[in-house]
Amino acid sequence: MSPAVVFLPDTALLVPGAAGRADPAAALRDAALVALRAADPGPGGRVLVLAPGHHARTLPHPVVTGLGAAGLLDPQASVLPGGTAGAAGTTRPAVADVAASVALVLLRAAGVDAPVDVREIARTGDGAVPVTAPGEVATVVVVGSLSARHGPDAPLADDPRAPDVDAALLAALAASPGALAAALDDLGASAARDLAVTGWAPWRAALALLDRSEARGTDLRVAACTDALVAGAQHAVALWLPVRPTGDGSTAAPPAAGPPTT
């Protein structure tokens, strides 16, 4: 059976207090929490986080957050969902990079209590990273954003290609896995790097993982997709849920979750 998939933005602004009194990503955070609750794997389930990082590595559960590189205090001393701090004499859990740490913070805030493994994919990579799921993964959380080159407030120089590229990617993300795969192929690794589309490699890795899952006969449908332009960067939250067979041989559509696409 295919896992549920939640797409989260690649921004530390999702962490409460990251922007001081301002909270420009509040709507995205609310949508993210709704999506994560809807995709909660429940008892016995497992979560896999795919996120951009400094280099490719696999961090098996338990994993702790590391938000210091984003200039944020990280008071959390224990591991996040599904575990406890290492006992005396045991190896300290691995520390995730910022993007994966944001996902871990949101999983905890959403009340998801399941083992969480992290696969970080090099930001400079081409997305052709084989991702194997440890055990039976019920939920995949994919961290990545669209272009960070929108207007004078953007973290990087404005690029006139950004609006059209992002519109195509958002439409694909809200359509189907096949549509997203085609849109990512059309964009290509080089243009994704030029436009600072940090979702390109993690999204491709997620789709490769889903291809192996879908061979077992379960399809996915888009249940929610919300987007917002924050500080010159385009972000999106999306939820894909498996379509489960019913007793009469038909399929049940996933329930709606969260606000409609903006």
C-alpha atoms as a PDB file:
ATOM      1  CA  MET A   1       0.000   0.000   0.000  1.00  0.00           C
ATOM      2  CA  SER A   2       1.314   3.430  -0.868  1.00  0.00           C
ATOM      3  CA  PRO A   3       2.134   5.721   2.051  1.00  0.00           C
ATOM      4  CA  ALA A   4       0.462   9.045   2.613  1.00  0.00           C
ATOM      5  CA  VAL A   5       2.668  11.957   1.531  1.00  0.00           C
ATOM      6  CA  VAL A   6       2.905  15.411   3.066  1.00  0.00           C
ATOM      7  CA  PHE A   7       4.843  18.158   1.288  1.00  0.00           C
ATOM      8  CA  LEU A   8       6.235  20.857   3.593  1.00  0.00           C
ATOM      9  CA  PRO A   9       8.043  24.120   2.774  1.00  0.00           C
ATOM     10  CA  ASP A  10      11.787  24.423   3.209  1.00  0.00           C
ATOM     11  CA  THR A  11      11.830  27.417   5.547  1.00  0.00           C
ATOM     12  CA  ALA A  12      12.658  27.914   9.217  1.00  0.00           C
ATOM     13  CA  LEU A  13       9.894  30.548   9.314  1.00  0.00           C
ATOM     14  CA  LEU A  14       7.506  27.667  10.026  1.00  0.00           C
ATOM     15  CA  VAL A  15       9.005  27.405  13.508  1.00  0.00           C
ATOM     16  CA  PRO A  16       6.985  29.586  15.917  1.00  0.00           C
ATOM     17  CA  GLY A  17       8.953  32.657  16.922  1.00  0.00           C
ATOM     18  CA  ALA A  18      11.451  32.392  14.066  1.00  0.00           C
ATOM     19  CA  ALA A  19      10.514  35.847  12.755  1.00  0.00           C
ATOM     20  CA  GLY A  20      10.089  37.461  16.170  1.00  0.00           C
ATOM     21  CA  ARG A  21       6.735  39.118  16.666  1.00  0.00           C
ATOM     22  CA  ALA A  22       5.941  38.784  12.987  1.00  0.00           C
ATOM     23  CA  ASP A  23       4.628  35.449  11.762  1.00  0.00           C
ATOM     24  CA  PRO A  24       4.634  35.543   7.947  1.00  0.00           C
ATOM     25  CA  ALA A  25       4.322  31.774   7.564  1.00  0.00           C
ATOM     26  CA  ALA A  26       1.428  31.291  10.010  1.00  0.00           C
ATOM     27  CA  ALA A  27      -1.042  30.180   7.323  1.00  0.00           C
ATOM     28  CA  LEU A  28       1.442  27.683   5.901  1.00  0.00           C
ATOM     29  CA  ARG A  29       2.161  26.309   9.359  1.00  0.00           C
ATOM     30  CA  ASP A  30      -1.552  25.878  10.054  1.00  0.00           C
ATOM     31  CA  ALA A  31      -1.985  24.021   6.751  1.00  0.00           C
ATOM     32  CA  ALA A  32       1.046  21.873   7.534  1.00  0.00           C
ATOM     33  CA  LEU A  33      -0.318  20.837  10.922  1.00  0.00           C
ATOM     34  CA  VAL A  34      -3.684  19.894   9.397  1.00  0.00           C
ATOM     35  CA  ALA A  35      -1.964  17.811   6.704  1.00  0.00           C
ATOM     36  CA  LEU A  36       0.340  16.053   9.168  1.00  0.00           C
ATOM     37  CA  ARG A  37      -2.575  15.143  11.427  1.00  0.00           C
ATOM     38  CA  ALA A  38      -4.504  13.759   8.466  1.00  0.00           C
ATOM     39  CA  ALA A  39      -1.507  11.645   7.457  1.00  0.00           C
ATOM     40  CA  ASP A  40      -0.709  10.416  10.985  1.00  0.00           C
ATOM     41  CA  PRO A  41       0.350   6.779  10.564  1.00  0.00           C
ATOM     42  CA  GLY A  42      -1.253   5.780  13.869  1.00  0.00           C
ATOM     43  CA  PRO A  43      -0.189   2.880  16.109  1.00  0.00           C
ATOM     44  CA  GLY A  44       2.595   0.805  14.618  1.00  0.00           C
ATOM     45  CA  GLY A  45       3.170   3.227  11.740  1.00  0.00           C
ATOM     46  CA  ARG A  46       6.461   4.789  10.766  1.00  0.00           C
ATOM     47  CA  VAL A  47       7.375   8.171   9.250  1.00  0.00           C
ATOM     48  CA  LEU A  48      10.134   8.889   6.736  1.00  0.00           C
ATOM     49  CA  VAL A  49      11.298  12.490   6.313  1.00  0.00           C
ATOM     50  CA  LEU A  50      13.007  13.399   3.014  1.00  0.00           C
ATOM     51  CA  ALA A  51      14.700  16.798   3.195  1.00  0.00           C
ATOM     52  CA  PRO A  52      17.513  18.812   1.638  1.00  0.00           C
ATOM     53  CA  GLY A  53      20.722  18.861   3.653  1.00  0.00           C
ATOM     54  CA  HIS A  54      24.389  19.736   3.463  1.00  0.00           C
ATOM     55  CA  HIS A  55      25.150  16.265   2.131  1.00  0.00           C
ATOM     56  CA  ALA A  56      23.396  12.966   1.563  1.00  0.00           C
ATOM     57  CA  ARG A  57      22.967  10.875   4.689  1.00  0.00           C
ATOM     58  CA  THR A  58      20.491   8.606   6.435  1.00  0.00           C
ATOM     59  CA  LEU A  59      19.568   9.287  10.063  1.00  0.00           C
ATOM     60  CA  PRO A  60      17.702   6.354  11.624  1.00  0.00           C
ATOM     61  CA  HIS A  61      15.271   6.900  14.456  1.00  0.00           C
ATOM     62  CA  PRO A  62      15.720   8.477  16.935  1.00  0.00           C
ATOM     63  CA  VAL A  63      16.758  11.873  15.512  1.00  0.00           C
ATOM     64  CA  VAL A  64      17.026  15.215  17.313  1.00  0.00           C
ATOM     65  CA  THR A  65      16.482  18.680  15.887  1.00  0.00           C
ATOM     66  CA  GLY A  66      19.265  21.091  15.014  1.00  0.00           C
ATOM     67  CA  LEU A  67      18.030  24.631  14.391  1.00  0.00           C
ATOM     68  CA  GLY A  68      21.158  26.533  15.428  1.00  0.00           C
ATOM     69  CA  ALA A  69      22.265  27.082  11.830  1.00  0.00           C
ATOM     70  CA  ALA A  70      19.042  29.045  11.280  1.00  0.00           C
ATOM     71  CA  GLY A  71      19.836  31.286  14.253  1.00  0.00           C
ATOM     72  CA  LEU A  72      17.151  29.676  16.415  1.00  0.00           C
ATOM     73  CA  LEU A  73      17.444  28.420  19.946  1.00  0.00           C
ATOM     74  CA  ASP A  74      16.830  24.692  20.101  1.00  0.00           C
ATOM     75  CA  PRO A  75      15.843  23.912  23.683  1.00  0.00           C
ATOM     76  CA  GLN A  76      14.715  20.410  22.850  1.00  0.00           C
ATOM     77  CA  ALA A  77      16.940  17.920  24.648  1.00  0.00           C
ATOM     78  CA  SER A  78      14.946  14.803  23.818  1.00  0.00           C
ATOM     79  CA  VAL A  79      14.271  13.086  20.537  1.00  0.00           C
ATOM     80  CA  LEU A  80      11.133  13.964  18.638  1.00  0.00           C
ATOM     81  CA  PRO A  81       8.140  11.772  17.754  1.00  0.00           C
ATOM     82  CA  GLY A  82       8.192   8.195  18.879  1.00  0.00           C
ATOM     83  CA  GLY A  83      11.221   7.996  21.135  1.00  0.00           C
ATOM     84  CA  THR A  84      12.985   9.005  24.314  1.00  0.00           C
ATOM     85  CA  ALA A  85      16.341  10.546  25.038  1.00  0.00           C
ATOM     86  CA  GLY A  86      19.258   8.132  24.953  1.00  0.00           C
ATOM     87  CA  ALA A  87      20.003   6.531  28.292  1.00  0.00           C
ATOM     88  CA  ALA A  88      23.360   6.918  29.993  1.00  0.00           C
ATOM     89  CA  GLY A  89      26.050   5.020  28.146  1.00  0.00           C
ATOM     90  CA  THR A  90      24.181   4.936  24.834  1.00  0.00           C
ATOM     91  CA  THR A  91      25.086   6.720  21.608  1.00  0.00           C
ATOM     92  CA  ARG A  92      23.527  10.163  21.314  1.00  0.00           C
ATOM     93  CA  PRO A  93      20.907  10.375  18.529  1.00  0.00           C
ATOM     94  CA  ALA A  94      21.949  12.048  15.286  1.00  0.00           C
ATOM     95  CA  VAL A  95      21.167  15.740  14.800  1.00  0.00           C
ATOM     96  CA  ALA A  96      19.202  16.705  11.678  1.00  0.00           C
ATOM     97  CA  ASP A  97      19.962  19.708   9.467  1.00  0.00           C
ATOM     98  CA  VAL A  98      17.584  22.672   9.541  1.00  0.00           C
ATOM     99  CA  ALA A  99      15.131  21.533   6.829  1.00  0.00           C
ATOM    100  CA  ALA A 100      14.532  18.126   8.395  1.00  0.00           C
ATOM    101  CA  SER A 101      14.456  19.721  11.851  1.00  0.00           C
ATOM    102  CA  VAL A 102      11.557  21.943  10.798  1.00  0.00           C
ATOM    103  CA  ALA A 103       9.634  18.827   9.744  1.00  0.00           C
ATOM    104  CA  LEU A 104      10.388  17.194  13.086  1.00  0.00           C
ATOM    105  CA  VAL A 105       9.184  20.263  14.990  1.00  0.00           C
ATOM    106  CA  LEU A 106       5.927  20.282  13.012  1.00  0.00           C
ATOM    107  CA  LEU A 107       5.392  16.547  13.468  1.00  0.00           C
ATOM    108  CA  ARG A 108       5.672  17.024  17.203  1.00  0.00           C
ATOM    109  CA  ALA A 109       3.347  20.034  17.147  1.00  0.00           C
ATOM    110  CA  ALA A 110       0.802  17.996  15.155  1.00  0.00           C
ATOM    111  CA  GLY A 111       0.818  15.297  17.815  1.00  0.00           C
ATOM    112  CA  VAL A 112       2.300  12.607  15.578  1.00  0.00           C
ATOM    113  CA  ASP A 113       3.818  10.003  17.899  1.00  0.00           C
ATOM    114  CA  ALA A 114       5.586   7.537  15.633  1.00  0.00           C
ATOM    115  CA  PRO A 115       9.178   6.537  14.904  1.00  0.00           C
ATOM    116  CA  VAL A 116      10.732   9.005  12.448  1.00  0.00           C
ATOM    117  CA  ASP A 117      13.655   8.221  10.146  1.00  0.00           C
ATOM    118  CA  VAL A 118      15.324  11.005   8.159  1.00  0.00           C
ATOM    119  CA  ARG A 119      16.936  10.867   4.715  1.00  0.00           C
ATOM    120  CA  GLU A 120      18.778  14.069   3.841  1.00  0.00           C
ATOM    121  CA  ILE A 121      19.524  14.713   0.178  1.00  0.00           C
ATOM    122  CA  ALA A 122      22.386  17.001  -0.835  1.00  0.00           C
ATOM    123  CA  ARG A 123      21.104  20.403  -1.906  1.00  0.00           C
ATOM    124  CA  THR A 124      23.559  20.358  -4.801  1.00  0.00           C
ATOM    125  CA  GLY A 125      22.495  16.884  -5.913  1.00  0.00           C
ATOM    126  CA  ASP A 126      20.470  15.846  -8.954  1.00  0.00           C
ATOM    127  CA  GLY A 127      17.775  13.921  -7.101  1.00  0.00           C
ATOM    128  CA  ALA A 128      18.996  10.578  -8.396  1.00  0.00           C
ATOM    129  CA  VAL A 129      19.515   9.299  -4.850  1.00  0.00           C
ATOM    130  CA  PRO A 130      18.172   5.821  -4.148  1.00  0.00           C
ATOM    131  CA  VAL A 131      15.861   6.094  -1.156  1.00  0.00           C
ATOM    132  CA  THR A 132      15.015   2.925   0.676  1.00  0.00           C
ATOM    133  CA  ALA A 133      12.357   2.969   3.344  1.00  0.00           C
ATOM    134  CA  PRO A 134      13.276   1.396   6.681  1.00  0.00           C
ATOM    135  CA  GLY A 135      10.492  -1.081   7.367  1.00  0.00           C
ATOM    136  CA  GLU A 136       6.899  -0.307   6.468  1.00  0.00           C
ATOM    137  CA  VAL A 137       6.598   3.454   6.108  1.00  0.00           C
ATOM    138  CA  ALA A 138       3.039   4.732   6.449  1.00  0.00           C
ATOM    139  CA  THR A 139       3.773   8.443   5.992  1.00  0.00           C
ATOM    140  CA  VAL A 140       6.407  10.226   3.909  1.00  0.00           C
ATOM    141  CA  VAL A 141       7.100  13.864   4.775  1.00  0.00           C
ATOM    142  CA  VAL A 142       8.913  15.704   1.976  1.00  0.00           C
ATOM    143  CA  VAL A 143      10.562  19.070   2.664  1.00  0.00           C
ATOM    144  CA  GLY A 144      11.257  21.481  -0.192  1.00  0.00           C
ATOM    145  CA  SER A 145      10.159  24.762  -1.705  1.00  0.00           C
ATOM    146  CA  LEU A 146       9.750  26.397  -5.071  1.00  0.00           C
ATOM    147  CA  SER A 147      11.764  29.357  -6.353  1.00  0.00           C
ATOM    148  CA  ALA A 148      13.411  31.783  -3.928  1.00  0.00           C
ATOM    149  CA  ARG A 149      13.784  34.454  -6.633  1.00  0.00           C
ATOM    150  CA  HIS A 150      10.569  36.487  -6.464  1.00  0.00           C
ATOM    151  CA  GLY A 151      10.998  40.253  -6.371  1.00  0.00           C
ATOM    152  CA  PRO A 152      13.145  42.587  -4.268  1.00  0.00           C
ATOM    153  CA  ASP A 153      12.323  40.853  -0.975  1.00  0.00           C
ATOM    154  CA  ALA A 154      13.618  37.503  -2.162  1.00  0.00           C
ATOM    155  CA  PRO A 155      16.647  35.917  -0.468  1.00  0.00           C
ATOM    156  CA  LEU A 156      18.258  35.663  -3.913  1.00  0.00           C
ATOM    157  CA  ALA A 157      18.231  37.949  -6.950  1.00  0.00           C
ATOM    158  CA  ASP A 158      14.917  38.199  -8.785  1.00  0.00           C
ATOM    159  CA  ASP A 159      14.515  35.972 -11.851  1.00  0.00           C
ATOM    160  CA  PRO A 160      11.707  36.608 -14.371  1.00  0.00           C
ATOM    161  CA  ARG A 161      11.360  32.858 -14.994  1.00  0.00           C
ATOM    162  CA  ALA A 162      10.310  32.154 -11.430  1.00  0.00           C
ATOM    163  CA  PRO A 163       6.553  32.917 -11.638  1.00  0.00           C
ATOM    164  CA  ASP A 164       5.914  30.653 -14.628  1.00  0.00           C
ATOM    165  CA  VAL A 165       8.050  27.824 -13.294  1.00  0.00           C
ATOM    166  CA  ASP A 166       6.378  27.964  -9.910  1.00  0.00           C
ATOM    167  CA  ALA A 167       2.901  28.079 -11.454  1.00  0.00           C
ATOM    168  CA  ALA A 168       3.660  24.901 -13.404  1.00  0.00           C
ATOM    169  CA  LEU A 169       5.053  23.121 -10.348  1.00  0.00           C
ATOM    170  CA  LEU A 170       2.150  24.169  -8.122  1.00  0.00           C
ATOM    171  CA  ALA A 171      -0.377  22.961 -10.695  1.00  0.00           C
ATOM    172  CA  ALA A 172       1.427  19.616 -10.900  1.00  0.00           C
ATOM    173  CA  LEU A 173       1.681  19.271  -7.123  1.00  0.00           C
ATOM    174  CA  ALA A 174      -2.082  19.797  -6.892  1.00  0.00           C
ATOM    175  CA  ALA A 175      -2.796  17.324  -9.712  1.00  0.00           C
ATOM    176  CA  SER A 176      -1.083  13.941  -9.351  1.00  0.00           C
ATOM    177  CA  PRO A 177       2.261  12.175  -8.841  1.00  0.00           C
ATOM    178  CA  GLY A 178       2.553  11.696 -12.595  1.00  0.00           C
ATOM    179  CA  ALA A 179       1.999  15.387 -13.252  1.00  0.00           C
ATOM    180  CA  LEU A 180       4.638  16.343 -10.703  1.00  0.00           C
ATOM    181  CA  ALA A 181       7.143  13.912 -12.214  1.00  0.00           C
ATOM    182  CA  ALA A 182       6.606  15.425 -15.656  1.00  0.00           C
ATOM    183  CA  ALA A 183       6.941  18.992 -14.340  1.00  0.00           C
ATOM    184  CA  LEU A 184      10.193  18.184 -12.556  1.00  0.00           C
ATOM    185  CA  ASP A 185      11.571  16.545 -15.700  1.00  0.00           C
ATOM    186  CA  ASP A 186      10.620  19.616 -17.719  1.00  0.00           C
ATOM    187  CA  LEU A 187      12.392  21.909 -15.246  1.00  0.00           C
ATOM    188  CA  GLY A 188      15.590  19.871 -14.943  1.00  0.00           C
ATOM    189  CA  ALA A 189      18.321  19.966 -12.320  1.00  0.00           C
ATOM    190  CA  SER A 190      20.216  22.926 -13.781  1.00  0.00           C
ATOM    191  CA  ALA A 191      17.229  25.278 -13.925  1.00  0.00           C
ATOM    192  CA  ALA A 192      16.126  24.128 -10.472  1.00  0.00           C
ATOM    193  CA  ARG A 193      19.510  25.146  -9.068  1.00  0.00           C
ATOM    194  CA  ASP A 194      19.416  28.489 -10.915  1.00  0.00           C
ATOM    195  CA  LEU A 195      15.973  29.272  -9.506  1.00  0.00           C
ATOM    196  CA  ALA A 196      16.738  27.871  -6.029  1.00  0.00           C
ATOM    197  CA  VAL A 197      13.917  25.316  -6.202  1.00  0.00           C
ATOM    198  CA  THR A 198      14.951  23.277  -3.168  1.00  0.00           C
ATOM    199  CA  GLY A 199      12.081  20.834  -3.607  1.00  0.00           C
ATOM    200  CA  TRP A 200      13.376  19.448  -6.894  1.00  0.00           C
ATOM    201  CA  ALA A 201      15.666  16.713  -5.531  1.00  0.00           C
ATOM    202  CA  PRO A 202      13.550  15.657  -2.508  1.00  0.00           C
ATOM    203  CA  TRP A 203      10.403  15.536  -4.638  1.00  0.00           C
ATOM    204  CA  ARG A 204      12.114  13.327  -7.213  1.00  0.00           C
ATOM    205  CA  ALA A 205      13.375  11.046  -4.458  1.00  0.00           C
ATOM    206  CA  ALA A 206       9.854  10.800  -3.031  1.00  0.00           C
ATOM    207  CA  LEU A 207       8.396   9.948  -6.430  1.00  0.00           C
ATOM    208  CA  ALA A 208      10.984   7.196  -6.901  1.00  0.00           C
ATOM    209  CA  LEU A 209       9.999   5.749  -3.536  1.00  0.00           C
ATOM    210  CA  LEU A 210       6.311   5.940  -4.455  1.00  0.00           C
ATOM    211  CA  ASP A 211       6.914   4.130  -7.730  1.00  0.00           C
ATOM    212  CA  ARG A 212       8.051   1.113  -5.766  1.00  0.00           C
ATOM    213  CA  SER A 213       5.085   1.404  -3.402  1.00  0.00           C
ATOM    214  CA  GLU A 214       2.516   1.809  -6.163  1.00  0.00           C
ATOM    215  CA  ALA A 215       3.617  -1.501  -7.663  1.00  0.00           C
ATOM    216  CA  ARG A 216       1.695  -3.034  -4.774  1.00  0.00           C
ATOM    217  CA  GLY A 217      -1.569  -1.731  -6.188  1.00  0.00           C
ATOM    218  CA  THR A 218      -2.528   1.421  -4.276  1.00  0.00           C
ATOM    219  CA  ASP A 219      -2.974   4.773  -5.999  1.00  0.00           C
ATOM    220  CA  LEU A 220      -2.662   8.266  -4.534  1.00  0.00           C
ATOM    221  CA  ARG A 221      -4.959  11.269  -4.841  1.00  0.00           C
ATOM    222  CA  VAL A 222      -4.343  14.887  -3.891  1.00  0.00           C
ATOM    223  CA  ALA A 223      -6.390  15.739  -0.792  1.00  0.00           C
ATOM    224  CA  ALA A 224      -5.153  19.301  -0.189  1.00  0.00           C
ATOM    225  CA  CYS A 225      -2.741  21.876  -1.584  1.00  0.00           C
ATOM    226  CA  THR A 226      -2.055  25.352  -0.216  1.00  0.00           C
ATOM    227  CA  ASP A 227       0.592  27.822  -1.367  1.00  0.00           C
ATOM    228  CA  ALA A 228       1.927  31.208  -0.312  1.00  0.00           C
ATOM    229  CA  LEU A 229       4.661  33.640  -1.313  1.00  0.00           C
ATOM    230  CA  VAL A 230       6.637  34.538   1.813  1.00  0.00           C
ATOM    231  CA  ALA A 231       9.590  36.942   1.820  1.00  0.00           C
ATOM    232  CA  GLY A 232      10.152  36.507  -1.907  1.00  0.00           C
ATOM    233  CA  ALA A 233      10.089  32.705  -1.875  1.00  0.00           C
ATOM    234  CA  GLN A 234       7.270  30.468  -3.080  1.00  0.00           C
ATOM    235  CA  HIS A 235       6.182  27.718  -0.693  1.00  0.00           C
ATOM    236  CA  ALA A 236       3.520  25.013  -0.710  1.00  0.00           C
ATOM    237  CA  VAL A 237       1.899  22.510   1.612  1.00  0.00           C
ATOM    238  CA  ALA A 238       0.263  19.501  -0.016  1.00  0.00           C
ATOM    239  CA  LEU A 239      -1.278  16.242   1.132  1.00  0.00           C
ATOM    240  CA  TRP A 240      -1.516  13.085  -0.947  1.00  0.00           C
ATOM    241  CA  LEU A 241      -3.535  10.224   0.526  1.00  0.00           C
ATOM    242  CA  PRO A 242      -3.852   6.634  -0.691  1.00  0.00           C
ATOM    243  CA  VAL A 243      -7.102   5.606  -2.319  1.00  0.00           C
ATOM    244  CA  ARG A 244      -8.145   2.536  -0.400  1.00  0.00           C
ATOM    245  CA  PRO A 245     -10.104  -0.314  -1.991  1.00  0.00           C
ATOM    246  CA  THR A 246     -13.634  -0.849  -0.665  1.00  0.00           C
ATOM    247  CA  GLY A 247     -15.365  -4.153  -0.095  1.00  0.00           C
ATOM    248  CA  ASP A 248     -17.260  -3.975  -3.411  1.00  0.00           C
ATOM    249  CA  GLY A 249     -14.102  -3.648  -5.502  1.00  0.00           C
ATOM    250  CA  SER A 250     -14.355   0.114  -5.978  1.00  0.00           C
ATOM    251  CA  THR A 251     -12.089   2.702  -4.378  1.00  0.00           C
ATOM    252  CA  ALA A 252     -12.762   5.270  -1.701  1.00  0.00           C
ATOM    253  CA  ALA A 253     -11.543   8.799  -2.358  1.00  0.00           C
ATOM    254  CA  PRO A 254      -9.477  10.394   0.410  1.00  0.00           C
ATOM    255  CA  PRO A 255     -11.211  12.911   2.640  1.00  0.00           C
ATOM    256  CA  ALA A 256     -10.580  16.596   2.131  1.00  0.00           C
ATOM    257  CA  ALA A 257      -8.062  18.068   4.548  1.00  0.00           C
ATOM    258  CA  GLY A 258      -7.188  21.652   5.272  1.00  0.00           C
ATOM    259  CA  PRO A 259      -7.969  24.810   3.343  1.00  0.00           C
ATOM    260  CA  PRO A 260      -8.429  24.808  -0.432  1.00  0.00           C
ATOM    261  CA  THR A 261      -5.630  25.746  -2.772  1.00  0.00           C
ATOM    262  CA  THR A 262      -4.966  29.491  -2.698  1.00  0.00           C
END
